[in-house]
Amino acid sequence: MTDRVKAFTVYLDEDMREEDAENVRLALLMVKRVSAVRPHLAEFSDDQAQERAERVLRDKLRDVLWPKR
């Protein structure tokens, strides 16, 4: 039997104002089979901050290992 997916978690690449985020929320609601989209206010302790920090470190490491010429 195949596993079933019940939800996705989406992280933004940077924080945005609530007014701007509303358009993104409405767009996500237009995706087929999406029933709810709930915004979460940015807090430092969120794992979102960790995701961003990891991305920054990964980008810096890439630039050291494979510098642009």
PDB file of N, CA and C in Angstrom:
ATOM      1  N   MET A   1       0.838  -1.177   0.000  1.00  0.00           N
ATOM      2  CA  MET A   1       0.000   0.000   0.000  1.00  0.00           C
ATOM      3  C   MET A   1       0.890   1.250   0.000  1.00  0.00           C
ATOM      4  N   THR A   2       0.497   2.247  -0.722  1.00  0.00           N
ATOM      5  CA  THR A   2       1.263   3.479  -0.864  1.00  0.00           C
ATOM      6  C   THR A   2       0.964   4.433   0.283  1.00  0.00           C
ATOM      7  N   ASP A   3       2.014   5.083   0.790  1.00  0.00           N
ATOM      8  CA  ASP A   3       1.822   6.120   1.810  1.00  0.00           C
ATOM      9  C   ASP A   3       1.079   7.298   1.212  1.00  0.00           C
ATOM     10  N   ARG A   4       0.398   8.046   2.065  1.00  0.00           N
ATOM     11  CA  ARG A   4      -0.368   9.201   1.608  1.00  0.00           C
ATOM     12  C   ARG A   4       0.167  10.458   2.281  1.00  0.00           C
ATOM     13  N   VAL A   5       0.240  11.537   1.519  1.00  0.00           N
ATOM     14  CA  VAL A   5       0.722  12.823   2.014  1.00  0.00           C
ATOM     15  C   VAL A   5      -0.483  13.636   2.471  1.00  0.00           C
ATOM     16  N   LYS A   6      -0.400  14.199   3.678  1.00  0.00           N
ATOM     17  CA  LYS A   6      -1.526  15.009   4.168  1.00  0.00           C
ATOM     18  C   LYS A   6      -1.230  16.502   4.185  1.00  0.00           C
ATOM     19  N   ALA A   7       0.055  16.887   4.115  1.00  0.00           N
ATOM     20  CA  ALA A   7       0.375  18.315   4.191  1.00  0.00           C
ATOM     21  C   ALA A   7       1.780  18.571   3.669  1.00  0.00           C
ATOM     22  N   PHE A   8       2.025  19.809   3.294  1.00  0.00           N
ATOM     23  CA  PHE A   8       3.345  20.303   2.925  1.00  0.00           C
ATOM     24  C   PHE A   8       3.659  21.489   3.825  1.00  0.00           C
ATOM     25  N   THR A   9       4.917  21.677   4.126  1.00  0.00           N
ATOM     26  CA  THR A   9       5.365  22.874   4.834  1.00  0.00           C
ATOM     27  C   THR A   9       6.181  23.693   3.852  1.00  0.00           C
ATOM     28  N   VAL A  10       5.846  24.967   3.728  1.00  0.00           N
ATOM     29  CA  VAL A  10       6.525  25.855   2.785  1.00  0.00           C
ATOM     30  C   VAL A  10       7.219  26.949   3.583  1.00  0.00           C
ATOM     31  N   TYR A  11       8.506  27.159   3.318  1.00  0.00           N
ATOM     32  CA  TYR A  11       9.245  28.234   3.965  1.00  0.00           C
ATOM     33  C   TYR A  11       9.547  29.318   2.931  1.00  0.00           C
ATOM     34  N   LEU A  12       9.342  30.550   3.307  1.00  0.00           N
ATOM     35  CA  LEU A  12       9.658  31.677   2.434  1.00  0.00           C
ATOM     36  C   LEU A  12      11.153  31.972   2.530  1.00  0.00           C
ATOM     37  N   ASP A  13      11.736  32.476   1.460  1.00  0.00           N
ATOM     38  CA  ASP A  13      13.175  32.761   1.489  1.00  0.00           C
ATOM     39  C   ASP A  13      13.492  33.994   2.328  1.00  0.00           C
ATOM     40  N   GLU A  14      12.488  34.801   2.617  1.00  0.00           N
ATOM     41  CA  GLU A  14      12.661  35.924   3.541  1.00  0.00           C
ATOM     42  C   GLU A  14      11.293  36.317   4.083  1.00  0.00           C
ATOM     43  N   ASP A  15      11.289  36.973   5.236  1.00  0.00           N
ATOM     44  CA  ASP A  15      10.027  37.410   5.832  1.00  0.00           C
ATOM     45  C   ASP A  15       9.372  38.450   4.936  1.00  0.00           C
ATOM     46  N   MET A  16       8.051  38.472   4.947  1.00  0.00           N
ATOM     47  CA  MET A  16       7.336  39.490   4.183  1.00  0.00           C
ATOM     48  C   MET A  16       6.216  40.061   5.040  1.00  0.00           C
ATOM     49  N   ARG A  17       5.789  41.253   4.664  1.00  0.00           N
ATOM     50  CA  ARG A  17       4.707  41.897   5.391  1.00  0.00           C
ATOM     51  C   ARG A  17       3.423  41.087   5.237  1.00  0.00           C
ATOM     52  N   GLU A  18       2.571  41.162   6.257  1.00  0.00           N
ATOM     53  CA  GLU A  18       1.316  40.406   6.222  1.00  0.00           C
ATOM     54  C   GLU A  18       0.472  40.766   5.004  1.00  0.00           C
ATOM     55  N   GLU A  19       0.468  42.031   4.633  1.00  0.00           N
ATOM     56  CA  GLU A  19      -0.331  42.464   3.484  1.00  0.00           C
ATOM     57  C   GLU A  19       0.159  41.797   2.198  1.00  0.00           C
ATOM     58  N   ASP A  20       1.467  41.685   2.044  1.00  0.00           N
ATOM     59  CA  ASP A  20       2.027  41.033   0.862  1.00  0.00           C
ATOM     60  C   ASP A  20       1.817  39.527   0.915  1.00  0.00           C
ATOM     61  N   ALA A  21       1.896  38.966   2.085  1.00  0.00           N
ATOM     62  CA  ALA A  21       1.740  37.519   2.259  1.00  0.00           C
ATOM     63  C   ALA A  21       0.325  37.055   1.924  1.00  0.00           C
ATOM     64  N   GLU A  22      -0.639  37.937   2.066  1.00  0.00           N
ATOM     65  CA  GLU A  22      -2.022  37.566   1.760  1.00  0.00           C
ATOM     66  C   GLU A  22      -2.170  37.143   0.304  1.00  0.00           C
ATOM     67  N   ASN A  23      -1.482  37.811  -0.609  1.00  0.00           N
ATOM     68  CA  ASN A  23      -1.546  37.413  -2.025  1.00  0.00           C
ATOM     69  C   ASN A  23      -0.955  36.026  -2.232  1.00  0.00           C
ATOM     70  N   VAL A  24       0.118  35.710  -1.541  1.00  0.00           N
ATOM     71  CA  VAL A  24       0.723  34.379  -1.638  1.00  0.00           C
ATOM     72  C   VAL A  24      -0.247  33.336  -1.081  1.00  0.00           C
ATOM     73  N   ARG A  25      -0.870  33.648   0.045  1.00  0.00           N
ATOM     74  CA  ARG A  25      -1.833  32.723   0.656  1.00  0.00           C
ATOM     75  C   ARG A  25      -2.990  32.438  -0.306  1.00  0.00           C
ATOM     76  N   LEU A  26      -3.503  33.482  -0.929  1.00  0.00           N
ATOM     77  CA  LEU A  26      -4.613  33.309  -1.873  1.00  0.00           C
ATOM     78  C   LEU A  26      -4.180  32.484  -3.086  1.00  0.00           C
ATOM     79  N   ALA A  27      -2.957  32.697  -3.546  1.00  0.00           N
ATOM     80  CA  ALA A  27      -2.458  31.920  -4.688  1.00  0.00           C
ATOM     81  C   ALA A  27      -2.338  30.443  -4.315  1.00  0.00           C
ATOM     82  N   LEU A  28      -1.842  30.159  -3.122  1.00  0.00           N
ATOM     83  CA  LEU A  28      -1.718  28.759  -2.690  1.00  0.00           C
ATOM     84  C   LEU A  28      -3.085  28.088  -2.569  1.00  0.00           C
ATOM     85  N   LEU A  29      -4.082  28.843  -2.187  1.00  0.00           N
ATOM     86  CA  LEU A  29      -5.435  28.284  -2.102  1.00  0.00           C
ATOM     87  C   LEU A  29      -5.988  27.903  -3.472  1.00  0.00           C
ATOM     88  N   MET A  30      -5.426  28.457  -4.539  1.00  0.00           N
ATOM     89  CA  MET A  30      -5.874  28.130  -5.898  1.00  0.00           C
ATOM     90  C   MET A  30      -5.310  26.799  -6.390  1.00  0.00           C
ATOM     91  N   VAL A  31      -4.298  26.267  -5.684  1.00  0.00           N
ATOM     92  CA  VAL A  31      -3.713  24.995  -6.085  1.00  0.00           C
ATOM     93  C   VAL A  31      -4.719  23.881  -5.808  1.00  0.00           C
ATOM     94  N   LYS A  32      -4.851  22.993  -6.744  1.00  0.00           N
ATOM     95  CA  LYS A  32      -5.812  21.902  -6.638  1.00  0.00           C
ATOM     96  C   LYS A  32      -5.571  21.102  -5.354  1.00  0.00           C
ATOM     97  N   ARG A  33      -6.630  20.803  -4.650  1.00  0.00           N
ATOM     98  CA  ARG A  33      -6.673  19.981  -3.436  1.00  0.00           C
ATOM     99  C   ARG A  33      -6.125  20.672  -2.193  1.00  0.00           C
ATOM    100  N   VAL A  34      -5.821  21.971  -2.276  1.00  0.00           N
ATOM    101  CA  VAL A  34      -5.401  22.717  -1.079  1.00  0.00           C
ATOM    102  C   VAL A  34      -6.669  23.196  -0.385  1.00  0.00           C
ATOM    103  N   SER A  35      -6.827  22.848   0.887  1.00  0.00           N
ATOM    104  CA  SER A  35      -8.043  23.221   1.605  1.00  0.00           C
ATOM    105  C   SER A  35      -7.816  24.344   2.608  1.00  0.00           C
ATOM    106  N   ALA A  36      -6.573  24.558   3.028  1.00  0.00           N
ATOM    107  CA  ALA A  36      -6.307  25.616   4.008  1.00  0.00           C
ATOM    108  C   ALA A  36      -4.854  26.061   3.905  1.00  0.00           C
ATOM    109  N   VAL A  37      -4.634  27.343   4.126  1.00  0.00           N
ATOM    110  CA  VAL A  37      -3.282  27.910   4.177  1.00  0.00           C
ATOM    111  C   VAL A  37      -3.275  28.852   5.371  1.00  0.00           C
ATOM    112  N   ARG A  38      -2.434  28.547   6.349  1.00  0.00           N
ATOM    113  CA  ARG A  38      -2.377  29.361   7.558  1.00  0.00           C
ATOM    114  C   ARG A  38      -1.010  30.009   7.691  1.00  0.00           C
ATOM    115  N   PRO A  39      -0.966  31.341   7.763  1.00  0.00           N
ATOM    116  CA  PRO A  39       0.329  32.001   7.951  1.00  0.00           C
ATOM    117  C   PRO A  39       0.822  31.837   9.395  1.00  0.00           C
ATOM    118  N   HIS A  40       2.116  31.863   9.555  1.00  0.00           N
ATOM    119  CA  HIS A  40       2.749  31.809  10.870  1.00  0.00           C
ATOM    120  C   HIS A  40       3.660  33.024  10.989  1.00  0.00           C
ATOM    121  N   LEU A  41       3.487  33.783  12.055  1.00  0.00           N
ATOM    122  CA  LEU A  41       4.303  34.969  12.241  1.00  0.00           C
ATOM    123  C   LEU A  41       5.747  34.576  12.524  1.00  0.00           C
ATOM    124  N   ALA A  42       6.667  35.364  12.018  1.00  0.00           N
ATOM    125  CA  ALA A  42       8.092  35.075  12.159  1.00  0.00           C
ATOM    126  C   ALA A  42       8.527  35.242  13.607  1.00  0.00           C
ATOM    127  N   GLU A  43       9.251  34.254  14.100  1.00  0.00           N
ATOM    128  CA  GLU A  43       9.867  34.294  15.419  1.00  0.00           C
ATOM    129  C   GLU A  43      11.263  33.717  15.280  1.00  0.00           C
ATOM    130  N   PHE A  44      12.190  34.267  16.037  1.00  0.00           N
ATOM    131  CA  PHE A  44      13.577  33.836  15.923  1.00  0.00           C
ATOM    132  C   PHE A  44      13.740  32.344  16.206  1.00  0.00           C
ATOM    133  N   SER A  45      12.960  31.826  17.106  1.00  0.00           N
ATOM    134  CA  SER A  45      13.135  30.435  17.525  1.00  0.00           C
ATOM    135  C   SER A  45      12.602  29.423  16.508  1.00  0.00           C
ATOM    136  N   ASP A  46      11.933  29.908  15.500  1.00  0.00           N
ATOM    137  CA  ASP A  46      11.372  28.993  14.497  1.00  0.00           C
ATOM    138  C   ASP A  46      12.461  28.236  13.759  1.00  0.00           C
ATOM    139  N   ASP A  47      12.116  27.071  13.329  1.00  0.00           N
ATOM    140  CA  ASP A  47      13.070  26.316  12.507  1.00  0.00           C
ATOM    141  C   ASP A  47      13.273  26.986  11.151  1.00  0.00           C
ATOM    142  N   GLN A  48      12.431  27.943  10.834  1.00  0.00           N
ATOM    143  CA  GLN A  48      12.611  28.729   9.623  1.00  0.00           C
ATOM    144  C   GLN A  48      13.960  29.432   9.665  1.00  0.00           C
ATOM    145  N   ALA A  49      14.312  29.974  10.812  1.00  0.00           N
ATOM    146  CA  ALA A  49      15.600  30.650  10.962  1.00  0.00           C
ATOM    147  C   ALA A  49      16.739  29.668  10.731  1.00  0.00           C
ATOM    148  N   GLN A  50      16.569  28.455  11.191  1.00  0.00           N
ATOM    149  CA  GLN A  50      17.599  27.436  10.990  1.00  0.00           C
ATOM    150  C   GLN A  50      17.737  27.086   9.516  1.00  0.00           C
ATOM    151  N   GLU A  51      16.627  26.955   8.826  1.00  0.00           N
ATOM    152  CA  GLU A  51      16.667  26.653   7.392  1.00  0.00           C
ATOM    153  C   GLU A  51      17.424  27.731   6.632  1.00  0.00           C
ATOM    154  N   ARG A  52      17.139  28.992   6.954  1.00  0.00           N
ATOM    155  CA  ARG A  52      17.817  30.094   6.278  1.00  0.00           C
ATOM    156  C   ARG A  52      19.309  30.095   6.592  1.00  0.00           C
ATOM    157  N   ALA A  53      19.649  29.867   7.859  1.00  0.00           N
ATOM    158  CA  ALA A  53      21.066  29.856   8.255  1.00  0.00           C
ATOM    159  C   ALA A  53      21.806  28.739   7.534  1.00  0.00           C
ATOM    160  N   GLU A  54      21.195  27.580   7.429  1.00  0.00           N
ATOM    161  CA  GLU A  54      21.821  26.471   6.712  1.00  0.00           C
ATOM    162  C   GLU A  54      22.026  26.822   5.243  1.00  0.00           C
ATOM    163  N   ARG A  55      21.052  27.496   4.649  1.00  0.00           N
ATOM    164  CA  ARG A  55      21.175  27.884   3.236  1.00  0.00           C
ATOM    165  C   ARG A  55      22.323  28.865   3.046  1.00  0.00           C
ATOM    166  N   VAL A  56      22.431  29.834   3.942  1.00  0.00           N
ATOM    167  CA  VAL A  56      23.518  30.811   3.854  1.00  0.00           C
ATOM    168  C   VAL A  56      24.865  30.114   3.977  1.00  0.00           C
ATOM    169  N   LEU A  57      24.997  29.217   4.950  1.00  0.00           N
ATOM    170  CA  LEU A  57      26.258  28.498   5.126  1.00  0.00           C
ATOM    171  C   LEU A  57      26.566  27.609   3.927  1.00  0.00           C
ATOM    172  N   ARG A  58      25.545  26.974   3.395  1.00  0.00           N
ATOM    173  CA  ARG A  58      25.729  26.116   2.219  1.00  0.00           C
ATOM    174  C   ARG A  58      26.213  26.946   1.032  1.00  0.00           C
ATOM    175  N   ASP A  59      25.619  28.132   0.852  1.00  0.00           N
ATOM    176  CA  ASP A  59      26.029  29.020  -0.249  1.00  0.00           C
ATOM    177  C   ASP A  59      27.465  29.485  -0.068  1.00  0.00           C
ATOM    178  N   LYS A  60      27.855  29.825   1.156  1.00  0.00           N
ATOM    179  CA  LYS A  60      29.225  30.260   1.419  1.00  0.00           C
ATOM    180  C   LYS A  60      30.208  29.128   1.177  1.00  0.00           C
ATOM    181  N   LEU A  61      29.874  27.929   1.598  1.00  0.00           N
ATOM    182  CA  LEU A  61      30.737  26.775   1.385  1.00  0.00           C
ATOM    183  C   LEU A  61      30.897  26.491  -0.101  1.00  0.00           C
ATOM    184  N   ARG A  62      29.799  26.598  -0.832  1.00  0.00           N
ATOM    185  CA  ARG A  62      29.849  26.399  -2.285  1.00  0.00           C
ATOM    186  C   ARG A  62      30.783  27.417  -2.927  1.00  0.00           C
ATOM    187  N   ASP A  63      30.678  28.677  -2.481  1.00  0.00           N
ATOM    188  CA  ASP A  63      31.525  29.732  -3.051  1.00  0.00           C
ATOM    189  C   ASP A  63      33.005  29.496  -2.735  1.00  0.00           C
ATOM    190  N   VAL A  64      33.304  28.894  -1.601  1.00  0.00           N
ATOM    191  CA  VAL A  64      34.706  28.585  -1.253  1.00  0.00           C
ATOM    192  C   VAL A  64      35.207  27.403  -2.084  1.00  0.00           C
ATOM    193  N   LEU A  65      34.384  26.377  -2.199  1.00  0.00           N
ATOM    194  CA  LEU A  65      34.807  25.181  -2.932  1.00  0.00           C
ATOM    195  C   LEU A  65      34.810  25.383  -4.448  1.00  0.00           C
ATOM    196  N   TRP A  66      33.860  26.142  -4.950  1.00  0.00           N
ATOM    197  CA  TRP A  66      33.747  26.366  -6.390  1.00  0.00           C
ATOM    198  C   TRP A  66      33.608  27.867  -6.653  1.00  0.00           C
ATOM    199  N   PRO A  67      34.700  28.630  -6.507  1.00  0.00           N
ATOM    200  CA  PRO A  67      34.619  30.089  -6.689  1.00  0.00           C
ATOM    201  C   PRO A  67      34.243  30.448  -8.127  1.00  0.00           C
ATOM    202  N   LYS A  68      33.539  31.552  -8.249  1.00  0.00           N
ATOM    203  CA  LYS A  68      33.187  32.047  -9.591  1.00  0.00           C
ATOM    204  C   LYS A  68      34.427  32.641 -10.219  1.00  0.00           C
ATOM    205  N   ARG A  69      34.626  32.380 -11.469  1.00  0.00           N
ATOM    206  CA  ARG A  69      35.827  32.875 -12.162  1.00  0.00           C
ATOM    207  C   ARG A  69      35.480  34.001 -13.080  1.00  0.00           C
TER     208      ARG A  69
END
